[in-house]
Amino acid sequence: MKKSRIGKTLPMRGLTPEEHEHLDQGVAAGPQLNLANHFLIAMPQMQDPIFGGTVVYVCEHNDKGVLGVVINKATDMTMETLFERIDLKLSNGLSGRTGSEPIMFGGPVQDDRGFVLHTPGRRYSSSLTVTDEVAFTTSIDVLEAVAKGDGPQRMLVSIGYAGWSPGQLEEEISRNGWLTVNADPRVLFDLPIEERYTAALKLLGIDPLMLASEAGHA
Protein backbone atom coordinates (compact mmCIF):
# COMPACT_ATOMS: atom_id res chain seq x y z
CA MET A 1 0.00 0.00 0.00
CA LYS A 2 1.22 3.46 -0.86
CA LYS A 3 2.56 5.31 2.16
CA SER A 4 1.56 8.86 2.99
CA ARG A 5 3.88 11.76 2.28
CA ILE A 6 4.53 12.85 5.82
CA GLY A 7 7.05 14.89 7.77
CA LYS A 8 9.04 14.78 10.96
CA THR A 9 7.98 13.13 14.21
CA LEU A 10 5.80 15.24 16.52
CA PRO A 11 3.88 14.37 19.69
CA MET A 12 0.52 13.02 18.53
CA ARG A 13 -2.80 13.97 20.10
CA GLY A 14 -4.85 10.95 21.10
CA LEU A 15 -1.87 8.78 22.05
CA THR A 16 -0.55 8.29 25.56
CA PRO A 17 3.15 9.15 26.17
CA GLU A 18 3.89 5.42 26.42
CA GLU A 19 2.26 4.75 23.05
CA HIS A 20 4.14 7.62 21.43
CA GLU A 21 7.44 6.33 22.84
CA HIS A 22 6.55 2.93 21.42
CA LEU A 23 6.12 4.50 17.98
CA ASP A 24 9.40 6.42 18.21
CA GLN A 25 11.22 3.16 18.86
CA GLY A 26 9.88 1.77 15.59
CA VAL A 27 8.45 -1.35 17.21
CA ALA A 28 5.99 -3.39 15.16
CA ALA A 29 2.35 -3.63 16.18
CA GLY A 30 1.85 -5.42 19.44
CA PRO A 31 0.01 -5.31 22.73
CA GLN A 32 1.53 -1.90 23.64
CA LEU A 33 -0.37 -0.23 20.80
CA ASN A 34 -3.80 -1.39 19.69
CA LEU A 35 -5.79 1.10 17.65
CA ALA A 36 -8.86 -1.08 17.12
CA ASN A 37 -12.01 1.03 17.60
CA HIS A 38 -10.07 4.22 16.90
CA PHE A 39 -10.45 6.80 14.18
CA LEU A 40 -7.42 7.61 12.06
CA ILE A 41 -7.73 11.22 10.92
CA ALA A 42 -5.55 12.23 7.98
CA MET A 43 -3.48 15.33 8.70
CA PRO A 44 -4.15 18.25 6.30
CA GLN A 45 -0.65 18.02 4.81
CA MET A 46 -1.20 14.43 3.68
CA GLN A 47 -1.14 14.55 -0.12
CA ASP A 48 -1.93 10.88 -0.69
CA PRO A 49 -4.69 10.72 -3.36
CA ILE A 50 -6.36 7.80 -1.62
CA PHE A 51 -6.21 8.80 2.04
CA GLY A 52 -5.94 12.60 1.96
CA GLY A 53 -8.84 14.16 3.90
CA THR A 54 -10.13 10.84 5.19
CA VAL A 55 -11.28 9.35 8.47
CA VAL A 56 -10.61 5.63 8.84
CA TYR A 57 -12.32 3.40 11.38
CA VAL A 58 -9.87 0.73 12.60
CA CYS A 59 -11.57 -2.66 12.89
CA GLU A 60 -8.56 -4.80 13.78
CA HIS A 61 -4.95 -4.17 14.84
CA ASN A 62 -2.64 -7.06 15.66
CA ASP A 63 0.77 -8.50 14.82
CA LYS A 64 -0.46 -9.22 11.28
CA GLY A 65 -1.18 -5.57 10.59
CA VAL A 66 -4.14 -3.20 10.55
CA LEU A 67 -7.55 -3.40 8.88
CA GLY A 68 -9.81 -0.38 8.64
CA VAL A 69 -12.57 1.27 6.61
CA VAL A 70 -12.68 4.83 5.26
CA ILE A 71 -15.95 6.31 6.53
CA ASN A 72 -16.16 9.69 4.79
CA LYS A 73 -15.45 9.04 1.11
CA ALA A 74 -18.58 8.11 -0.82
CA THR A 75 -18.66 6.36 -4.19
CA ASP A 76 -21.25 7.14 -6.85
CA MET A 77 -22.95 3.82 -6.03
CA THR A 78 -26.09 3.58 -3.89
CA MET A 79 -27.41 0.66 -1.89
CA GLU A 80 -30.02 0.03 -4.55
CA THR A 81 -27.34 -0.19 -7.25
CA LEU A 82 -25.22 -2.52 -5.13
CA PHE A 83 -28.17 -4.80 -4.44
CA GLU A 84 -28.97 -4.96 -8.15
CA ARG A 85 -25.38 -6.01 -8.87
CA ILE A 86 -25.49 -8.85 -6.38
CA ASP A 87 -28.99 -9.97 -7.42
CA LEU A 88 -30.76 -8.97 -4.23
CA LYS A 89 -34.03 -7.08 -4.13
CA LEU A 90 -34.97 -4.74 -1.31
CA SER A 91 -38.31 -5.62 0.25
CA ASN A 92 -41.24 -3.25 -0.16
CA GLY A 93 -40.79 -0.05 1.83
CA LEU A 94 -36.99 -0.23 1.92
CA SER A 95 -36.17 0.95 -1.58
CA GLY A 96 -36.64 4.61 -0.62
CA ARG A 97 -34.30 5.80 2.13
CA THR A 98 -32.27 2.60 2.38
CA GLY A 99 -31.91 2.25 -1.36
CA SER A 100 -30.61 5.80 -1.77
CA GLU A 101 -27.91 5.47 0.91
CA PRO A 102 -24.42 5.91 -0.62
CA ILE A 103 -21.79 3.20 -0.58
CA MET A 104 -18.45 4.26 0.89
CA PHE A 105 -15.04 3.84 -0.70
CA GLY A 106 -13.63 1.81 2.18
CA GLY A 107 -10.09 1.58 0.83
CA PRO A 108 -8.01 0.19 -2.03
CA VAL A 109 -7.85 -3.43 -0.81
CA GLN A 110 -10.36 -5.82 -2.41
CA ASP A 111 -12.23 -2.89 -3.93
CA ASP A 112 -14.49 -5.25 -5.84
CA ARG A 113 -16.09 -6.60 -2.65
CA GLY A 114 -18.58 -5.22 -0.14
CA PHE A 115 -17.91 -4.83 3.58
CA VAL A 116 -20.31 -3.75 6.31
CA LEU A 117 -19.75 -1.90 9.58
CA HIS A 118 -22.86 -2.24 11.72
CA THR A 119 -24.32 -2.49 15.18
CA PRO A 120 -24.05 -6.03 16.60
CA GLY A 121 -27.09 -8.25 16.88
CA ARG A 122 -27.65 -11.48 15.03
CA ARG A 123 -24.56 -13.41 14.01
CA TYR A 124 -23.40 -13.63 10.43
CA SER A 125 -21.15 -16.25 8.89
CA SER A 126 -18.08 -14.03 8.67
CA SER A 127 -18.25 -11.30 11.28
CA LEU A 128 -15.86 -9.60 13.71
CA THR A 129 -17.24 -7.96 16.84
CA VAL A 130 -15.04 -4.92 17.44
CA THR A 131 -16.96 -3.52 20.43
CA ASP A 132 -20.42 -3.79 21.98
CA GLU A 133 -21.50 -1.10 19.49
CA VAL A 134 -19.63 -1.97 16.28
CA ALA A 135 -19.17 -5.15 14.25
CA PHE A 136 -17.50 -5.74 10.87
CA THR A 137 -18.99 -8.29 8.48
CA THR A 138 -17.58 -9.55 5.19
CA SER A 139 -20.20 -12.17 4.28
CA ILE A 140 -23.19 -11.52 2.04
CA ASP A 141 -25.71 -12.81 4.57
CA VAL A 142 -25.77 -9.42 6.28
CA LEU A 143 -26.94 -7.82 3.01
CA GLU A 144 -29.45 -10.60 2.51
CA ALA A 145 -30.86 -9.72 5.94
CA VAL A 146 -31.00 -6.03 4.98
CA ALA A 147 -32.89 -6.88 1.79
CA LYS A 148 -35.52 -8.70 3.86
CA GLY A 149 -35.85 -5.82 6.31
CA ASP A 150 -34.12 -7.81 9.05
CA GLY A 151 -30.68 -6.21 8.93
CA PRO A 152 -28.70 -4.22 11.51
CA GLN A 153 -30.32 -1.10 12.92
CA ARG A 154 -27.33 1.08 11.94
CA MET A 155 -24.75 0.30 9.30
CA LEU A 156 -22.20 1.62 6.84
CA VAL A 157 -21.53 -0.33 3.64
CA SER A 158 -18.23 0.06 1.80
CA ILE A 159 -16.53 -1.24 -1.29
CA GLY A 160 -12.99 -2.26 -0.34
CA TYR A 161 -11.08 -1.68 2.86
CA ALA A 162 -7.80 -0.16 4.04
CA GLY A 163 -4.92 -2.34 5.17
CA TRP A 164 -1.44 -1.79 6.56
CA SER A 165 1.33 -4.33 6.97
CA PRO A 166 2.90 -4.83 10.43
CA GLY A 167 4.55 -1.63 11.61
CA GLN A 168 3.53 0.44 8.56
CA LEU A 169 0.75 2.42 10.20
CA GLU A 170 2.86 3.01 13.31
CA GLU A 171 5.55 4.50 11.09
CA GLU A 172 3.06 6.76 9.32
CA ILE A 173 1.69 7.98 12.67
CA SER A 174 5.19 8.66 14.02
CA ARG A 175 5.88 10.80 10.94
CA ASN A 176 2.82 12.93 11.65
CA GLY A 177 0.57 11.44 8.97
CA TRP A 178 -2.42 10.62 11.17
CA LEU A 179 -4.15 11.79 14.32
CA THR A 180 -5.81 9.08 16.39
CA VAL A 181 -8.79 9.18 18.74
CA ASN A 182 -11.20 6.71 20.30
CA ALA A 183 -14.05 6.18 17.86
CA ASP A 184 -17.57 7.47 18.48
CA PRO A 185 -20.34 5.36 16.86
CA ARG A 186 -22.42 8.49 16.34
CA VAL A 187 -19.79 9.85 13.95
CA LEU A 188 -19.60 6.49 12.23
CA PHE A 189 -23.31 5.84 11.75
CA ASP A 190 -25.35 8.99 12.33
CA LEU A 191 -23.60 12.05 10.92
CA PRO A 192 -23.76 13.15 7.27
CA ILE A 193 -20.64 12.09 5.36
CA GLU A 194 -19.38 15.64 4.88
CA GLU A 195 -19.43 16.28 8.65
CA ARG A 196 -17.45 13.24 9.77
CA TYR A 197 -13.93 14.63 9.35
CA THR A 198 -14.65 17.76 11.38
CA ALA A 199 -16.55 15.76 14.01
CA ALA A 200 -13.65 13.31 14.41
CA LEU A 201 -11.25 16.22 14.94
CA LYS A 202 -13.57 17.74 17.52
CA LEU A 203 -13.32 14.51 19.54
CA LEU A 204 -9.73 15.63 20.14
CA GLY A 205 -10.77 19.20 20.90
CA ILE A 206 -9.19 20.44 17.67
CA ASP A 207 -10.49 23.31 15.58
CA PRO A 208 -10.10 22.12 11.96
CA LEU A 209 -9.37 25.67 10.75
CA MET A 210 -6.49 26.06 13.21
CA LEU A 211 -5.08 22.67 12.25
CA ALA A 212 -5.15 23.61 8.56
CA SER A 213 -3.44 26.90 9.36
CA GLU A 214 -0.66 25.18 11.30
CA ALA A 215 -0.13 22.76 8.43
CA GLY A 216 0.12 25.68 6.02
CA HIS A 217 2.97 27.19 8.05
CA ALA A 218 4.87 23.92 8.60
C-alpha atoms as a PDB file:
ATOM      1  CA  MET A   1       0.000   0.000   0.000  1.00  0.00           C
ATOM      2  CA  LYS A   2       1.224   3.461  -0.856  1.00  0.00           C
ATOM      3  CA  LYS A   3       2.557   5.311   2.156  1.00  0.00           C
ATOM      4  CA  SER A   4       1.561   8.862   2.991  1.00  0.00           C
ATOM      5  CA  ARG A   5       3.878  11.758   2.284  1.00  0.00           C
ATOM      6  CA  ILE A   6       4.535  12.847   5.818  1.00  0.00           C
ATOM      7  CA  GLY A   7       7.054  14.893   7.773  1.00  0.00           C
ATOM      8  CA  LYS A   8       9.043  14.784  10.962  1.00  0.00           C
ATOM      9  CA  THR A   9       7.978  13.129  14.212  1.00  0.00           C
ATOM     10  CA  LEU A  10       5.802  15.237  16.517  1.00  0.00           C
ATOM     11  CA  PRO A  11       3.876  14.370  19.688  1.00  0.00           C
ATOM     12  CA  MET A  12       0.521  13.020  18.535  1.00  0.00           C
ATOM     13  CA  ARG A  13      -2.795  13.965  20.102  1.00  0.00           C
ATOM     14  CA  GLY A  14      -4.846  10.951  21.101  1.00  0.00           C
ATOM     15  CA  LEU A  15      -1.870   8.775  22.049  1.00  0.00           C
ATOM     16  CA  THR A  16      -0.549   8.291  25.559  1.00  0.00           C
ATOM     17  CA  PRO A  17       3.149   9.152  26.174  1.00  0.00           C
ATOM     18  CA  GLU A  18       3.891   5.423  26.423  1.00  0.00           C
ATOM     19  CA  GLU A  19       2.259   4.748  23.049  1.00  0.00           C
ATOM     20  CA  HIS A  20       4.138   7.622  21.434  1.00  0.00           C
ATOM     21  CA  GLU A  21       7.440   6.332  22.843  1.00  0.00           C
ATOM     22  CA  HIS A  22       6.547   2.930  21.418  1.00  0.00           C
ATOM     23  CA  LEU A  23       6.116   4.501  17.979  1.00  0.00           C
ATOM     24  CA  ASP A  24       9.403   6.421  18.214  1.00  0.00           C
ATOM     25  CA  GLN A  25      11.217   3.164  18.863  1.00  0.00           C
ATOM     26  CA  GLY A  26       9.884   1.768  15.585  1.00  0.00           C
ATOM     27  CA  VAL A  27       8.454  -1.348  17.205  1.00  0.00           C
ATOM     28  CA  ALA A  28       5.994  -3.392  15.163  1.00  0.00           C
ATOM     29  CA  ALA A  29       2.351  -3.634  16.177  1.00  0.00           C
ATOM     30  CA  GLY A  30       1.851  -5.417  19.442  1.00  0.00           C
ATOM     31  CA  PRO A  31       0.009  -5.306  22.733  1.00  0.00           C
ATOM     32  CA  GLN A  32       1.535  -1.905  23.641  1.00  0.00           C
ATOM     33  CA  LEU A  33      -0.366  -0.228  20.803  1.00  0.00           C
ATOM     34  CA  ASN A  34      -3.795  -1.393  19.690  1.00  0.00           C
ATOM     35  CA  LEU A  35      -5.788   1.102  17.650  1.00  0.00           C
ATOM     36  CA  ALA A  36      -8.863  -1.080  17.119  1.00  0.00           C
ATOM     37  CA  ASN A  37     -12.013   1.027  17.600  1.00  0.00           C
ATOM     38  CA  HIS A  38     -10.071   4.218  16.904  1.00  0.00           C
ATOM     39  CA  PHE A  39     -10.451   6.799  14.182  1.00  0.00           C
ATOM     40  CA  LEU A  40      -7.417   7.607  12.059  1.00  0.00           C
ATOM     41  CA  ILE A  41      -7.729  11.219  10.915  1.00  0.00           C
ATOM     42  CA  ALA A  42      -5.547  12.229   7.984  1.00  0.00           C
ATOM     43  CA  MET A  43      -3.477  15.326   8.696  1.00  0.00           C
ATOM     44  CA  PRO A  44      -4.147  18.249   6.304  1.00  0.00           C
ATOM     45  CA  GLN A  45      -0.654  18.018   4.807  1.00  0.00           C
ATOM     46  CA  MET A  46      -1.200  14.432   3.682  1.00  0.00           C
ATOM     47  CA  GLN A  47      -1.143  14.545  -0.123  1.00  0.00           C
ATOM     48  CA  ASP A  48      -1.931  10.879  -0.687  1.00  0.00           C
ATOM     49  CA  PRO A  49      -4.686  10.723  -3.360  1.00  0.00           C
ATOM     50  CA  ILE A  50      -6.357   7.800  -1.616  1.00  0.00           C
ATOM     51  CA  PHE A  51      -6.210   8.804   2.045  1.00  0.00           C
ATOM     52  CA  GLY A  52      -5.938  12.599   1.957  1.00  0.00           C
ATOM     53  CA  GLY A  53      -8.840  14.156   3.901  1.00  0.00           C
ATOM     54  CA  THR A  54     -10.134  10.841   5.193  1.00  0.00           C
ATOM     55  CA  VAL A  55     -11.276   9.346   8.472  1.00  0.00           C
ATOM     56  CA  VAL A  56     -10.607   5.625   8.842  1.00  0.00           C
ATOM     57  CA  TYR A  57     -12.324   3.397  11.379  1.00  0.00           C
ATOM     58  CA  VAL A  58      -9.873   0.731  12.599  1.00  0.00           C
ATOM     59  CA  CYS A  59     -11.566  -2.664  12.893  1.00  0.00           C
ATOM     60  CA  GLU A  60      -8.557  -4.798  13.777  1.00  0.00           C
ATOM     61  CA  HIS A  61      -4.951  -4.175  14.842  1.00  0.00           C
ATOM     62  CA  ASN A  62      -2.642  -7.056  15.664  1.00  0.00           C
ATOM     63  CA  ASP A  63       0.768  -8.502  14.817  1.00  0.00           C
ATOM     64  CA  LYS A  64      -0.457  -9.217  11.277  1.00  0.00           C
ATOM     65  CA  GLY A  65      -1.177  -5.566  10.589  1.00  0.00           C
ATOM     66  CA  VAL A  66      -4.137  -3.200  10.552  1.00  0.00           C
ATOM     67  CA  LEU A  67      -7.545  -3.404   8.879  1.00  0.00           C
ATOM     68  CA  GLY A  68      -9.806  -0.380   8.638  1.00  0.00           C
ATOM     69  CA  VAL A  69     -12.567   1.269   6.609  1.00  0.00           C
ATOM     70  CA  VAL A  70     -12.678   4.826   5.257  1.00  0.00           C
ATOM     71  CA  ILE A  71     -15.953   6.308   6.532  1.00  0.00           C
ATOM     72  CA  ASN A  72     -16.162   9.692   4.787  1.00  0.00           C
ATOM     73  CA  LYS A  73     -15.455   9.041   1.111  1.00  0.00           C
ATOM     74  CA  ALA A  74     -18.581   8.112  -0.818  1.00  0.00           C
ATOM     75  CA  THR A  75     -18.664   6.361  -4.191  1.00  0.00           C
ATOM     76  CA  ASP A  76     -21.251   7.139  -6.849  1.00  0.00           C
ATOM     77  CA  MET A  77     -22.954   3.825  -6.031  1.00  0.00           C
ATOM     78  CA  THR A  78     -26.094   3.575  -3.894  1.00  0.00           C
ATOM     79  CA  MET A  79     -27.408   0.658  -1.888  1.00  0.00           C
ATOM     80  CA  GLU A  80     -30.021   0.031  -4.548  1.00  0.00           C
ATOM     81  CA  THR A  81     -27.341  -0.186  -7.251  1.00  0.00           C
ATOM     82  CA  LEU A  82     -25.222  -2.520  -5.131  1.00  0.00           C
ATOM     83  CA  PHE A  83     -28.167  -4.802  -4.444  1.00  0.00           C
ATOM     84  CA  GLU A  84     -28.973  -4.964  -8.147  1.00  0.00           C
ATOM     85  CA  ARG A  85     -25.384  -6.010  -8.872  1.00  0.00           C
ATOM     86  CA  ILE A  86     -25.492  -8.850  -6.378  1.00  0.00           C
ATOM     87  CA  ASP A  87     -28.990  -9.972  -7.419  1.00  0.00           C
ATOM     88  CA  LEU A  88     -30.759  -8.972  -4.232  1.00  0.00           C
ATOM     89  CA  LYS A  89     -34.029  -7.077  -4.130  1.00  0.00           C
ATOM     90  CA  LEU A  90     -34.969  -4.741  -1.306  1.00  0.00           C
ATOM     91  CA  SER A  91     -38.311  -5.621   0.247  1.00  0.00           C
ATOM     92  CA  ASN A  92     -41.237  -3.249  -0.156  1.00  0.00           C
ATOM     93  CA  GLY A  93     -40.788  -0.054   1.828  1.00  0.00           C
ATOM     94  CA  LEU A  94     -36.989  -0.229   1.918  1.00  0.00           C
ATOM     95  CA  SER A  95     -36.171   0.947  -1.585  1.00  0.00           C
ATOM     96  CA  GLY A  96     -36.643   4.610  -0.620  1.00  0.00           C
ATOM     97  CA  ARG A  97     -34.304   5.804   2.135  1.00  0.00           C
ATOM     98  CA  THR A  98     -32.267   2.597   2.379  1.00  0.00           C
ATOM     99  CA  GLY A  99     -31.912   2.253  -1.364  1.00  0.00           C
ATOM    100  CA  SER A 100     -30.613   5.797  -1.773  1.00  0.00           C
ATOM    101  CA  GLU A 101     -27.910   5.469   0.906  1.00  0.00           C
ATOM    102  CA  PRO A 102     -24.419   5.912  -0.624  1.00  0.00           C
ATOM    103  CA  ILE A 103     -21.786   3.203  -0.583  1.00  0.00           C
ATOM    104  CA  MET A 104     -18.449   4.256   0.890  1.00  0.00           C
ATOM    105  CA  PHE A 105     -15.038   3.837  -0.698  1.00  0.00           C
ATOM    106  CA  GLY A 106     -13.627   1.805   2.178  1.00  0.00           C
ATOM    107  CA  GLY A 107     -10.088   1.575   0.833  1.00  0.00           C
ATOM    108  CA  PRO A 108      -8.006   0.192  -2.031  1.00  0.00           C
ATOM    109  CA  VAL A 109      -7.848  -3.427  -0.808  1.00  0.00           C
ATOM    110  CA  GLN A 110     -10.363  -5.822  -2.412  1.00  0.00           C
ATOM    111  CA  ASP A 111     -12.227  -2.890  -3.927  1.00  0.00           C
ATOM    112  CA  ASP A 112     -14.494  -5.251  -5.838  1.00  0.00           C
ATOM    113  CA  ARG A 113     -16.090  -6.600  -2.646  1.00  0.00           C
ATOM    114  CA  GLY A 114     -18.576  -5.219  -0.143  1.00  0.00           C
ATOM    115  CA  PHE A 115     -17.908  -4.830   3.584  1.00  0.00           C
ATOM    116  CA  VAL A 116     -20.315  -3.752   6.315  1.00  0.00           C
ATOM    117  CA  LEU A 117     -19.752  -1.902   9.581  1.00  0.00           C
ATOM    118  CA  HIS A 118     -22.862  -2.241  11.721  1.00  0.00           C
ATOM    119  CA  THR A 119     -24.319  -2.486  15.180  1.00  0.00           C
ATOM    120  CA  PRO A 120     -24.053  -6.030  16.600  1.00  0.00           C
ATOM    121  CA  GLY A 121     -27.087  -8.251  16.885  1.00  0.00           C
ATOM    122  CA  ARG A 122     -27.647 -11.480  15.034  1.00  0.00           C
ATOM    123  CA  ARG A 123     -24.555 -13.406  14.011  1.00  0.00           C
ATOM    124  CA  TYR A 124     -23.395 -13.634  10.429  1.00  0.00           C
ATOM    125  CA  SER A 125     -21.151 -16.251   8.890  1.00  0.00           C
ATOM    126  CA  SER A 126     -18.076 -14.025   8.672  1.00  0.00           C
ATOM    127  CA  SER A 127     -18.250 -11.299  11.276  1.00  0.00           C
ATOM    128  CA  LEU A 128     -15.857  -9.604  13.706  1.00  0.00           C
ATOM    129  CA  THR A 129     -17.238  -7.959  16.844  1.00  0.00           C
ATOM    130  CA  VAL A 130     -15.042  -4.921  17.442  1.00  0.00           C
ATOM    131  CA  THR A 131     -16.959  -3.519  20.432  1.00  0.00           C
ATOM    132  CA  ASP A 132     -20.419  -3.786  21.980  1.00  0.00           C
ATOM    133  CA  GLU A 133     -21.499  -1.104  19.490  1.00  0.00           C
ATOM    134  CA  VAL A 134     -19.632  -1.970  16.279  1.00  0.00           C
ATOM    135  CA  ALA A 135     -19.168  -5.149  14.245  1.00  0.00           C
ATOM    136  CA  PHE A 136     -17.502  -5.744  10.870  1.00  0.00           C
ATOM    137  CA  THR A 137     -18.989  -8.293   8.476  1.00  0.00           C
ATOM    138  CA  THR A 138     -17.575  -9.552   5.189  1.00  0.00           C
ATOM    139  CA  SER A 139     -20.204 -12.171   4.284  1.00  0.00           C
ATOM    140  CA  ILE A 140     -23.190 -11.520   2.036  1.00  0.00           C
ATOM    141  CA  ASP A 141     -25.707 -12.814   4.565  1.00  0.00           C
ATOM    142  CA  VAL A 142     -25.766  -9.421   6.281  1.00  0.00           C
ATOM    143  CA  LEU A 143     -26.936  -7.817   3.012  1.00  0.00           C
ATOM    144  CA  GLU A 144     -29.454 -10.601   2.511  1.00  0.00           C
ATOM    145  CA  ALA A 145     -30.862  -9.721   5.945  1.00  0.00           C
ATOM    146  CA  VAL A 146     -30.995  -6.033   4.978  1.00  0.00           C
ATOM    147  CA  ALA A 147     -32.894  -6.881   1.787  1.00  0.00           C
ATOM    148  CA  LYS A 148     -35.523  -8.704   3.859  1.00  0.00           C
ATOM    149  CA  GLY A 149     -35.855  -5.823   6.305  1.00  0.00           C
ATOM    150  CA  ASP A 150     -34.122  -7.808   9.050  1.00  0.00           C
ATOM    151  CA  GLY A 151     -30.678  -6.214   8.926  1.00  0.00           C
ATOM    152  CA  PRO A 152     -28.704  -4.219  11.511  1.00  0.00           C
ATOM    153  CA  GLN A 153     -30.319  -1.097  12.920  1.00  0.00           C
ATOM    154  CA  ARG A 154     -27.334   1.077  11.942  1.00  0.00           C
ATOM    155  CA  MET A 155     -24.751   0.304   9.302  1.00  0.00           C
ATOM    156  CA  LEU A 156     -22.197   1.623   6.840  1.00  0.00           C
ATOM    157  CA  VAL A 157     -21.525  -0.329   3.643  1.00  0.00           C
ATOM    158  CA  SER A 158     -18.231   0.055   1.797  1.00  0.00           C
ATOM    159  CA  ILE A 159     -16.531  -1.236  -1.294  1.00  0.00           C
ATOM    160  CA  GLY A 160     -12.994  -2.257  -0.344  1.00  0.00           C
ATOM    161  CA  TYR A 161     -11.085  -1.677   2.865  1.00  0.00           C
ATOM    162  CA  ALA A 162      -7.803  -0.157   4.041  1.00  0.00           C
ATOM    163  CA  GLY A 163      -4.919  -2.336   5.169  1.00  0.00           C
ATOM    164  CA  TRP A 164      -1.440  -1.788   6.563  1.00  0.00           C
ATOM    165  CA  SER A 165       1.330  -4.335   6.968  1.00  0.00           C
ATOM    166  CA  PRO A 166       2.899  -4.835  10.434  1.00  0.00           C
ATOM    167  CA  GLY A 167       4.553  -1.627  11.611  1.00  0.00           C
ATOM    168  CA  GLN A 168       3.533   0.435   8.563  1.00  0.00           C
ATOM    169  CA  LEU A 169       0.751   2.422  10.204  1.00  0.00           C
ATOM    170  CA  GLU A 170       2.859   3.006  13.312  1.00  0.00           C
ATOM    171  CA  GLU A 171       5.547   4.501  11.091  1.00  0.00           C
ATOM    172  CA  GLU A 172       3.061   6.763   9.325  1.00  0.00           C
ATOM    173  CA  ILE A 173       1.692   7.975  12.667  1.00  0.00           C
ATOM    174  CA  SER A 174       5.187   8.657  14.018  1.00  0.00           C
ATOM    175  CA  ARG A 175       5.875  10.798  10.943  1.00  0.00           C
ATOM    176  CA  ASN A 176       2.820  12.931  11.648  1.00  0.00           C
ATOM    177  CA  GLY A 177       0.573  11.435   8.970  1.00  0.00           C
ATOM    178  CA  TRP A 178      -2.421  10.623  11.168  1.00  0.00           C
ATOM    179  CA  LEU A 179      -4.151  11.789  14.315  1.00  0.00           C
ATOM    180  CA  THR A 180      -5.806   9.084  16.391  1.00  0.00           C
ATOM    181  CA  VAL A 181      -8.789   9.180  18.737  1.00  0.00           C
ATOM    182  CA  ASN A 182     -11.196   6.711  20.300  1.00  0.00           C
ATOM    183  CA  ALA A 183     -14.054   6.179  17.864  1.00  0.00           C
ATOM    184  CA  ASP A 184     -17.573   7.469  18.484  1.00  0.00           C
ATOM    185  CA  PRO A 185     -20.339   5.356  16.855  1.00  0.00           C
ATOM    186  CA  ARG A 186     -22.425   8.492  16.338  1.00  0.00           C
ATOM    187  CA  VAL A 187     -19.792   9.850  13.953  1.00  0.00           C
ATOM    188  CA  LEU A 188     -19.595   6.488  12.233  1.00  0.00           C
ATOM    189  CA  PHE A 189     -23.314   5.842  11.749  1.00  0.00           C
ATOM    190  CA  ASP A 190     -25.348   8.985  12.325  1.00  0.00           C
ATOM    191  CA  LEU A 191     -23.600  12.050  10.919  1.00  0.00           C
ATOM    192  CA  PRO A 192     -23.759  13.147   7.274  1.00  0.00           C
ATOM    193  CA  ILE A 193     -20.644  12.087   5.357  1.00  0.00           C
ATOM    194  CA  GLU A 194     -19.384  15.645   4.877  1.00  0.00           C
ATOM    195  CA  GLU A 195     -19.428  16.285   8.652  1.00  0.00           C
ATOM    196  CA  ARG A 196     -17.449  13.240   9.774  1.00  0.00           C
ATOM    197  CA  TYR A 197     -13.928  14.630   9.351  1.00  0.00           C
ATOM    198  CA  THR A 198     -14.652  17.763  11.383  1.00  0.00           C
ATOM    199  CA  ALA A 199     -16.552  15.759  14.013  1.00  0.00           C
ATOM    200  CA  ALA A 200     -13.654  13.314  14.405  1.00  0.00           C
ATOM    201  CA  LEU A 201     -11.246  16.224  14.945  1.00  0.00           C
ATOM    202  CA  LYS A 202     -13.568  17.735  17.518  1.00  0.00           C
ATOM    203  CA  LEU A 203     -13.323  14.507  19.542  1.00  0.00           C
ATOM    204  CA  LEU A 204      -9.728  15.634  20.137  1.00  0.00           C
ATOM    205  CA  GLY A 205     -10.770  19.204  20.904  1.00  0.00           C
ATOM    206  CA  ILE A 206      -9.186  20.442  17.674  1.00  0.00           C
ATOM    207  CA  ASP A 207     -10.487  23.310  15.579  1.00  0.00           C
ATOM    208  CA  PRO A 208     -10.103  22.120  11.962  1.00  0.00           C
ATOM    209  CA  LEU A 209      -9.369  25.667  10.753  1.00  0.00           C
ATOM    210  CA  MET A 210      -6.488  26.060  13.210  1.00  0.00           C
ATOM    211  CA  LEU A 211      -5.083  22.674  12.247  1.00  0.00           C
ATOM    212  CA  ALA A 212      -5.151  23.607   8.557  1.00  0.00           C
ATOM    213  CA  SER A 213      -3.437  26.904   9.356  1.00  0.00           C
ATOM    214  CA  GLU A 214      -0.660  25.180  11.297  1.00  0.00           C
ATOM    215  CA  ALA A 215      -0.127  22.763   8.426  1.00  0.00           C
ATOM    216  CA  GLY A 216       0.121  25.682   6.016  1.00  0.00           C
ATOM    217  CA  HIS A 217       2.972  27.190   8.045  1.00  0.00           C
ATOM    218  CA  ALA A 218       4.866  23.916   8.602  1.00  0.00           C
END
